[in-house]
Amino acid sequence: MIGYYVHHQGRGHGHRAASVARALNQPITGISSAAQPDGWPGEWLQIPRDDDAPCPADVDAFGQLHWAPQGDDGLRARMSMVSGWISKARPRLMVVDVSVEIALLARLHGVPIVSFVLPGNRGDQSHHLVHQISRALLAAWPASAEGMVTGLSTEAQSRLVPVGAISRFPARESLATSHGERPKVVVLNGAGGSAFTGDTVDRAQKQASGWDWHFCGMNADTWLEDPEELMRSATVMVTQAGQNSIAEVAALRKPAIVIPQPRPFEEQHATAAVLARQAWPAVVRPQFPETGWDDVLSAAAQLDGSKWSAWCDGRGAYRAAAVIDRELALVASEES
C-alpha cells in the first residue's frame, strides 16, 4: 500500500497525482483536503483543511515549519486522521506533493518518504528538513531545464530526479490553423488565482481584434474541467507559469505567452526565467502587458510548438512511477 498526499491549492497537484497513480502498479490511497480527482485509481481519504481560521497564530513554529497554525482545530483533526490511516493501512511508502508537515508526520510514524520538489528558492530550513528525510525527490520538469530550483543542499541535489513535465493530456502534435482561418488565442487561467482579470483581458482583446479570443477559467462561466479540446484549437496560448498549466500547453505543443503570477518561494518566476533564458516556444512577460498585444501574439505564433516535446514527452508520470517503484523495492529489501 502507498499513501499519496495531494496539496489542495489549485488543481495541478491533483491532476499530476492522478497521472502518476495510474502509472503505478500498487494499491494506493490518496490523502487530501481537495476532492478526489477524476480518474483516481484507488481509495481517497478526505481530510479537513487547516487554513480556515480567521486569525491563525504562529503558523510556521518560529520559522521551522511552513504551515502548522497554533491551536487550529482543522490541523489537529487532519493530522489525527492521517495518523489513524497510517496505523490501520500500514503503508510501505508515502508520496508527498507537497507538505513539509505531512512528510514529517509520516516519517515519524516510520513510513519512508518520496517527495515532489517545486520550482523556486527552496533553501529555507523547512524545505531543507523535508529534503533530508526523503528517499528521493521528484521534479516535474526535464533535466535540461537548469535553474528551476535553487537552494538545495548537495545531498538533496543528488536525490533530485527530473522526470519531465506531467500532464493529464497525452502528448501529441499540434493541429495547424487552417489557411484563411482567423487565428485563435486561448487565455488559460488556473484555479490558484492570478492577475488575469476581466479588465486586463478586455483591453488586450481590443488591441488584437484580428484574433478570436477564448477563455478558460476566468470565472465560473468559463471554467472547464477538461479544456483539452479548446486548447488544441488554439493558435497561441496565454497562460501563467504554474507547473500544470505549462505541462498541458507543452503536451499539446502550443506556442505560448507566459506571464508568471506571485507565488510563495518565487515558484512561477523561477519557471518563467528558465523559459525566457532557454529556447522554449514561449514569449515571457513579467506582467500582463498593457499594450502591444497584436505584436506579442504575432511573435508567439511564429514559434515552433513542437519544441515543447523536450519539456513534456508524455512519459513523465511513468518515470515518476518508476522512481517510486524503485524506492518500494529498496524499502522491501532493507526491511527483509
Protein backbone atom coordinates (compact mmCIF):
# COMPACT_ATOMS: atom_id res chain seq x y z
CA MET A 1 0.00 0.00 0.00
CA ILE A 2 1.17 3.51 -0.91
CA GLY A 3 -0.16 6.71 0.59
CA TYR A 4 -0.16 9.74 -1.72
CA TYR A 5 -0.67 13.18 -0.18
CA VAL A 6 -2.04 15.81 -2.59
CA HIS A 7 -1.86 19.51 -1.75
CA HIS A 8 -5.26 21.21 -2.07
CA GLN A 9 -4.12 24.55 -3.57
CA GLY A 10 -5.23 24.81 -7.21
CA ARG A 11 -5.95 21.77 -9.37
CA GLY A 12 -2.48 20.93 -10.67
CA HIS A 13 -1.37 18.74 -7.76
CA GLY A 14 -4.45 16.56 -8.17
CA HIS A 15 -4.05 16.23 -11.94
CA ARG A 16 -0.39 15.28 -11.52
CA ALA A 17 -1.14 12.80 -8.73
CA ALA A 18 -3.83 11.04 -10.77
CA SER A 19 -1.44 10.66 -13.73
CA VAL A 20 1.30 9.17 -11.53
CA ALA A 21 -1.11 6.95 -9.59
CA ARG A 22 -2.45 5.42 -12.80
CA ALA A 23 1.13 4.61 -13.85
CA LEU A 24 1.78 2.69 -10.63
CA ASN A 25 1.02 -1.00 -10.21
CA GLN A 26 0.44 -0.68 -6.47
CA PRO A 27 -2.61 -0.32 -4.20
CA ILE A 28 -2.82 3.40 -3.42
CA THR A 29 -4.77 5.77 -1.19
CA GLY A 30 -4.94 9.48 -1.93
CA ILE A 31 -4.95 11.85 1.03
CA SER A 32 -6.02 15.47 0.64
CA SER A 33 -8.32 18.29 1.66
CA ALA A 34 -9.22 18.55 -2.03
CA ALA A 35 -11.86 16.45 -3.73
CA GLN A 36 -10.85 13.20 -5.38
CA PRO A 37 -9.59 13.98 -8.91
CA ASP A 38 -11.16 12.35 -11.94
CA GLY A 39 -9.53 9.06 -12.82
CA TRP A 40 -8.09 8.36 -9.39
CA PRO A 41 -7.40 4.60 -9.33
CA GLY A 42 -7.66 3.84 -5.61
CA GLU A 43 -9.23 4.93 -2.33
CA TRP A 44 -9.38 8.56 -1.24
CA LEU A 45 -9.11 9.92 2.30
CA GLN A 46 -10.66 13.38 2.57
CA ILE A 47 -9.08 15.29 5.46
CA PRO A 48 -10.07 18.66 6.98
CA ARG A 49 -8.43 21.90 5.90
CA ASP A 50 -6.04 23.68 8.22
CA ASP A 51 -6.38 27.21 6.80
CA ASP A 52 -9.92 28.25 7.70
CA ALA A 53 -9.17 30.11 10.94
CA PRO A 54 -9.67 33.88 10.56
CA CYS A 55 -6.53 34.77 12.55
CA PRO A 56 -4.06 31.85 12.54
CA ALA A 57 -1.27 32.13 15.12
CA ASP A 58 2.40 31.11 14.82
CA VAL A 59 1.78 29.29 11.55
CA ASP A 60 5.45 28.39 10.98
CA ALA A 61 6.52 27.36 14.51
CA PHE A 62 9.07 30.15 14.82
CA GLY A 63 10.31 29.63 11.27
CA GLN A 64 10.85 25.87 11.47
CA LEU A 65 7.74 24.71 9.55
CA HIS A 66 5.62 26.05 6.70
CA TRP A 67 2.04 25.78 7.94
CA ALA A 68 1.15 24.45 11.38
CA PRO A 69 -1.13 27.09 12.93
CA GLN A 70 -1.11 27.01 16.70
CA GLY A 71 -4.29 25.67 18.32
CA ASP A 72 -6.02 25.07 14.98
CA ASP A 73 -8.84 22.51 15.12
CA GLY A 74 -8.55 21.70 11.42
CA LEU A 75 -4.83 20.96 11.72
CA ARG A 76 -5.41 18.76 14.76
CA ALA A 77 -8.18 16.82 13.01
CA ARG A 78 -6.30 16.27 9.76
CA MET A 79 -3.13 15.08 11.49
CA SER A 80 -5.19 12.73 13.65
CA MET A 81 -6.90 11.27 10.58
CA VAL A 82 -3.62 10.74 8.74
CA SER A 83 -2.08 9.10 11.82
CA GLY A 84 -5.09 6.81 12.16
CA TRP A 85 -4.90 5.86 8.49
CA ILE A 86 -1.18 5.06 8.75
CA SER A 87 -1.81 2.88 11.81
CA LYS A 88 -4.59 0.96 10.04
CA ALA A 89 -3.28 0.77 6.45
CA ARG A 90 0.43 0.32 7.30
CA PRO A 91 1.68 1.90 4.04
CA ARG A 92 5.10 0.84 2.79
CA LEU A 93 5.78 4.33 1.37
CA MET A 94 4.30 7.84 1.28
CA VAL A 95 4.49 10.11 -1.76
CA VAL A 96 4.09 13.74 -0.69
CA ASP A 97 3.11 16.51 -3.15
CA VAL A 98 3.64 18.75 -1.25
CA SER A 99 3.70 19.33 2.54
CA VAL A 100 6.56 19.60 4.99
CA GLU A 101 4.22 18.77 7.86
CA ILE A 102 2.64 15.65 6.29
CA ALA A 103 6.08 14.36 5.28
CA LEU A 104 7.35 14.80 8.84
CA LEU A 105 4.25 13.18 10.33
CA ALA A 106 4.56 10.12 8.10
CA ARG A 107 8.28 9.71 8.69
CA LEU A 108 7.76 9.99 12.46
CA HIS A 109 5.41 7.02 12.06
CA GLY A 110 8.26 5.10 10.44
CA VAL A 111 6.98 5.46 6.86
CA PRO A 112 9.62 6.20 4.19
CA ILE A 113 9.02 9.28 2.04
CA VAL A 114 9.31 10.27 -1.62
CA SER A 115 8.65 14.00 -2.08
CA PHE A 116 7.99 16.25 -5.02
CA VAL A 117 10.08 19.40 -5.30
CA LEU A 118 8.56 22.57 -6.74
CA PRO A 119 10.39 25.32 -8.64
CA GLY A 120 11.76 28.38 -6.88
CA ASN A 121 14.10 29.07 -3.99
CA ARG A 122 13.76 26.09 -1.64
CA GLY A 123 16.75 26.78 0.59
CA ASP A 124 14.81 27.58 3.78
CA GLN A 125 15.06 25.44 6.92
CA SER A 126 11.73 23.66 6.40
CA HIS A 127 12.48 22.59 2.85
CA HIS A 128 15.96 21.53 3.88
CA LEU A 129 14.47 19.25 6.54
CA VAL A 130 11.93 17.56 4.27
CA HIS A 131 14.55 17.06 1.57
CA GLN A 132 16.86 15.41 4.10
CA ILE A 133 14.22 12.88 5.22
CA SER A 134 13.04 11.98 1.69
CA ARG A 135 14.48 8.95 -0.04
CA ALA A 136 14.03 10.54 -3.46
CA LEU A 137 12.97 13.97 -4.73
CA LEU A 138 10.83 14.11 -7.87
CA ALA A 139 10.95 17.17 -10.13
CA ALA A 140 8.26 17.54 -12.81
CA TRP A 141 10.48 19.25 -15.37
CA PRO A 142 13.18 17.99 -17.77
CA ALA A 143 16.83 17.72 -16.72
CA SER A 144 17.71 20.24 -19.44
CA ALA A 145 15.66 22.95 -17.67
CA GLU A 146 18.52 24.07 -15.45
CA GLY A 147 17.82 26.59 -12.70
CA MET A 148 14.23 25.61 -11.94
CA VAL A 149 15.02 25.16 -8.24
CA THR A 150 17.70 26.78 -6.11
CA GLY A 151 18.82 26.42 -2.51
CA LEU A 152 19.15 22.64 -2.48
CA SER A 153 21.96 21.10 -0.47
CA THR A 154 24.48 18.91 -2.27
CA GLU A 155 22.85 15.85 -0.73
CA ALA A 156 19.36 16.92 -1.82
CA GLN A 157 20.64 17.65 -5.31
CA SER A 158 21.97 14.10 -5.52
CA ARG A 159 18.45 12.76 -4.74
CA LEU A 160 16.70 15.02 -7.26
CA VAL A 161 15.23 13.16 -10.24
CA PRO A 162 13.83 15.37 -13.03
CA VAL A 163 11.21 13.22 -14.74
CA GLY A 164 9.85 15.76 -17.22
CA ALA A 165 6.53 17.55 -17.14
CA ILE A 166 3.49 15.52 -16.09
CA SER A 167 0.32 16.39 -17.97
CA ARG A 168 -3.13 14.86 -17.73
CA PHE A 169 -3.30 15.25 -21.53
CA PRO A 170 -1.43 12.85 -23.83
CA ALA A 171 1.48 14.43 -25.67
CA ARG A 172 0.57 14.99 -29.29
CA GLU A 173 1.46 17.11 -32.25
CA SER A 174 -0.27 20.46 -32.62
CA LEU A 175 -3.01 20.97 -35.17
CA ALA A 176 -2.06 23.75 -37.56
CA THR A 177 -4.52 26.58 -38.16
CA SER A 178 -6.29 26.13 -41.47
CA HIS A 179 -5.48 28.55 -44.27
CA GLY A 180 -7.77 31.56 -44.15
CA GLU A 181 -8.97 30.79 -40.63
CA ARG A 182 -8.75 33.58 -38.07
CA PRO A 183 -6.04 32.89 -35.51
CA LYS A 184 -7.30 31.88 -32.09
CA VAL A 185 -5.88 32.84 -28.69
CA VAL A 186 -6.94 30.90 -25.60
CA VAL A 187 -6.38 32.54 -22.22
CA LEU A 188 -5.84 29.83 -19.61
CA ASN A 189 -6.41 30.85 -16.00
CA GLY A 190 -5.55 28.38 -13.24
CA ALA A 191 -7.53 27.66 -10.09
CA GLY A 192 -4.77 29.03 -7.86
CA GLY A 193 -5.56 32.66 -8.61
CA SER A 194 -3.94 35.18 -10.98
CA ALA A 195 -3.91 38.75 -12.24
CA PHE A 196 -5.76 37.75 -15.41
CA THR A 197 -8.83 39.89 -14.76
CA GLY A 198 -11.75 40.84 -16.96
CA ASP A 199 -10.50 44.41 -17.37
CA THR A 200 -6.95 43.47 -18.38
CA VAL A 201 -8.15 40.86 -20.85
CA ASP A 202 -10.76 43.24 -22.32
CA ARG A 203 -8.01 45.76 -23.08
CA ALA A 204 -5.85 43.07 -24.68
CA GLN A 205 -8.75 41.84 -26.79
CA LYS A 206 -9.42 45.34 -28.17
CA GLN A 207 -5.76 45.69 -29.16
CA ALA A 208 -5.78 42.41 -31.12
CA SER A 209 -9.21 42.40 -32.69
CA GLY A 210 -7.99 40.27 -35.60
CA TRP A 211 -7.78 37.30 -33.26
CA ASP A 212 -10.62 35.16 -31.95
CA TRP A 213 -10.36 35.22 -28.15
CA HIS A 214 -11.46 32.34 -25.94
CA PHE A 215 -11.22 31.99 -22.18
CA CYS A 216 -10.85 29.15 -19.77
CA GLY A 217 -11.10 29.66 -16.02
CA MET A 218 -11.58 33.42 -15.96
CA ASN A 219 -14.80 32.89 -13.96
CA ALA A 220 -17.36 30.21 -13.16
CA ASP A 221 -18.94 30.57 -16.61
CA THR A 222 -15.70 29.86 -18.46
CA TRP A 223 -14.26 27.18 -16.17
CA LEU A 224 -13.79 23.85 -17.96
CA GLU A 225 -12.94 20.66 -16.12
CA ASP A 226 -11.43 19.33 -19.34
CA PRO A 227 -10.10 22.15 -21.56
CA GLU A 228 -8.14 19.88 -23.92
CA GLU A 229 -10.39 20.37 -26.97
CA LEU A 230 -10.37 24.15 -26.59
CA MET A 231 -6.60 24.25 -26.06
CA ARG A 232 -5.95 22.02 -29.07
CA SER A 233 -7.77 24.52 -31.28
CA ALA A 234 -5.59 27.45 -30.17
CA THR A 235 -3.01 29.19 -32.33
CA VAL A 236 -1.41 30.72 -29.22
CA MET A 237 -1.99 30.12 -25.52
CA VAL A 238 -1.79 32.85 -22.86
CA THR A 239 -1.02 31.27 -19.51
CA GLN A 240 0.50 31.79 -16.11
CA ALA A 241 3.67 29.84 -15.24
CA GLY A 242 2.20 27.16 -12.98
CA GLN A 243 3.62 23.69 -13.45
CA ASN A 244 0.33 22.15 -14.54
CA SER A 245 -0.51 24.94 -16.99
CA ILE A 246 2.91 24.76 -18.65
CA ALA A 247 2.76 20.94 -18.75
CA GLU A 248 -0.58 20.98 -20.56
CA VAL A 249 0.48 23.69 -23.01
CA ALA A 250 3.64 21.68 -23.68
CA ALA A 251 1.76 18.39 -24.09
CA LEU A 252 -0.41 19.98 -26.79
CA ARG A 253 2.65 21.65 -28.42
CA LYS A 254 1.19 25.15 -28.33
CA PRO A 255 3.32 28.31 -28.54
CA ALA A 256 2.58 30.40 -25.51
CA ILE A 257 2.73 33.79 -23.89
CA VAL A 258 3.72 33.09 -20.29
CA ILE A 259 3.03 35.59 -17.50
CA PRO A 260 4.21 34.42 -14.05
CA GLN A 261 1.99 35.10 -11.04
CA PRO A 262 3.09 35.75 -7.44
CA ARG A 263 3.56 32.51 -5.52
CA PRO A 264 5.50 31.53 -2.38
CA PHE A 265 9.22 30.96 -2.91
CA GLU A 266 9.07 32.68 -6.34
CA GLU A 267 7.79 29.44 -7.85
CA GLN A 268 6.31 30.79 -11.08
CA HIS A 269 9.02 33.39 -11.60
CA ALA A 270 11.68 30.67 -11.45
CA THR A 271 9.86 28.72 -14.18
CA ALA A 272 9.37 31.83 -16.30
CA ALA A 273 13.07 32.71 -16.00
CA VAL A 274 14.06 29.29 -17.34
CA LEU A 275 11.59 29.56 -20.23
CA ALA A 276 12.91 33.01 -21.10
CA ARG A 277 16.57 32.01 -20.85
CA GLN A 278 16.34 28.83 -22.91
CA ALA A 279 14.93 28.14 -26.36
CA TRP A 280 11.40 27.09 -25.45
CA PRO A 281 8.41 28.14 -27.60
CA ALA A 282 7.26 30.80 -25.16
CA VAL A 283 7.20 34.59 -25.06
CA VAL A 284 7.68 35.52 -21.40
CA ARG A 285 6.39 38.80 -19.99
CA PRO A 286 6.88 39.81 -16.33
CA GLN A 287 3.31 41.05 -16.08
CA PHE A 288 0.16 41.18 -18.16
CA PRO A 289 1.05 43.65 -20.96
CA GLU A 290 -0.92 46.87 -21.07
CA THR A 291 -0.18 47.48 -24.77
CA GLY A 292 1.22 45.77 -27.85
CA TRP A 293 -0.92 42.64 -27.85
CA ASP A 294 -1.15 42.33 -31.62
CA ASP A 295 2.65 42.26 -31.85
CA VAL A 296 3.20 39.88 -28.95
CA LEU A 297 0.62 37.42 -30.26
CA SER A 298 2.14 37.53 -33.74
CA ALA A 299 5.61 36.91 -32.28
CA ALA A 300 4.36 33.91 -30.29
CA ALA A 301 2.55 32.48 -33.33
CA GLN A 302 5.89 32.28 -35.18
CA LEU A 303 7.39 29.96 -32.54
CA ASP A 304 7.68 26.23 -33.18
CA GLY A 305 5.40 24.50 -30.68
CA SER A 306 6.94 21.12 -31.44
CA LYS A 307 9.98 22.15 -29.37
CA TRP A 308 7.85 21.56 -26.26
CA SER A 309 8.46 17.84 -26.82
CA ALA A 310 11.66 18.12 -24.76
CA TRP A 311 9.63 19.57 -21.85
CA CYS A 312 6.75 17.10 -21.96
CA ASP A 313 7.22 13.88 -23.92
CA GLY A 314 4.27 12.09 -22.33
CA ARG A 315 6.43 9.77 -20.21
CA GLY A 316 6.86 11.92 -17.08
CA ALA A 317 4.27 10.09 -14.99
CA TYR A 318 5.81 6.72 -15.89
CA ARG A 319 9.30 7.90 -14.95
CA ALA A 320 7.96 9.19 -11.62
CA ALA A 321 6.22 5.85 -11.04
CA ALA A 322 9.47 4.02 -11.83
CA VAL A 323 11.29 6.01 -9.13
CA ILE A 324 8.52 5.22 -6.61
CA ASP A 325 8.61 1.52 -7.55
CA ARG A 326 12.41 1.52 -7.17
CA GLU A 327 12.19 3.00 -3.69
CA LEU A 328 9.49 0.49 -2.72
CA ALA A 329 11.77 -2.35 -3.79
CA LEU A 330 14.67 -0.88 -1.81
CA VAL A 331 12.48 -0.46 1.27
CA ALA A 332 11.37 -4.10 0.99
CA SER A 333 14.95 -5.30 0.77
CA GLU A 334 16.02 -3.17 3.75
CA GLU A 335 13.18 -4.47 5.91
CA SER A 336 13.55 -8.15 4.98
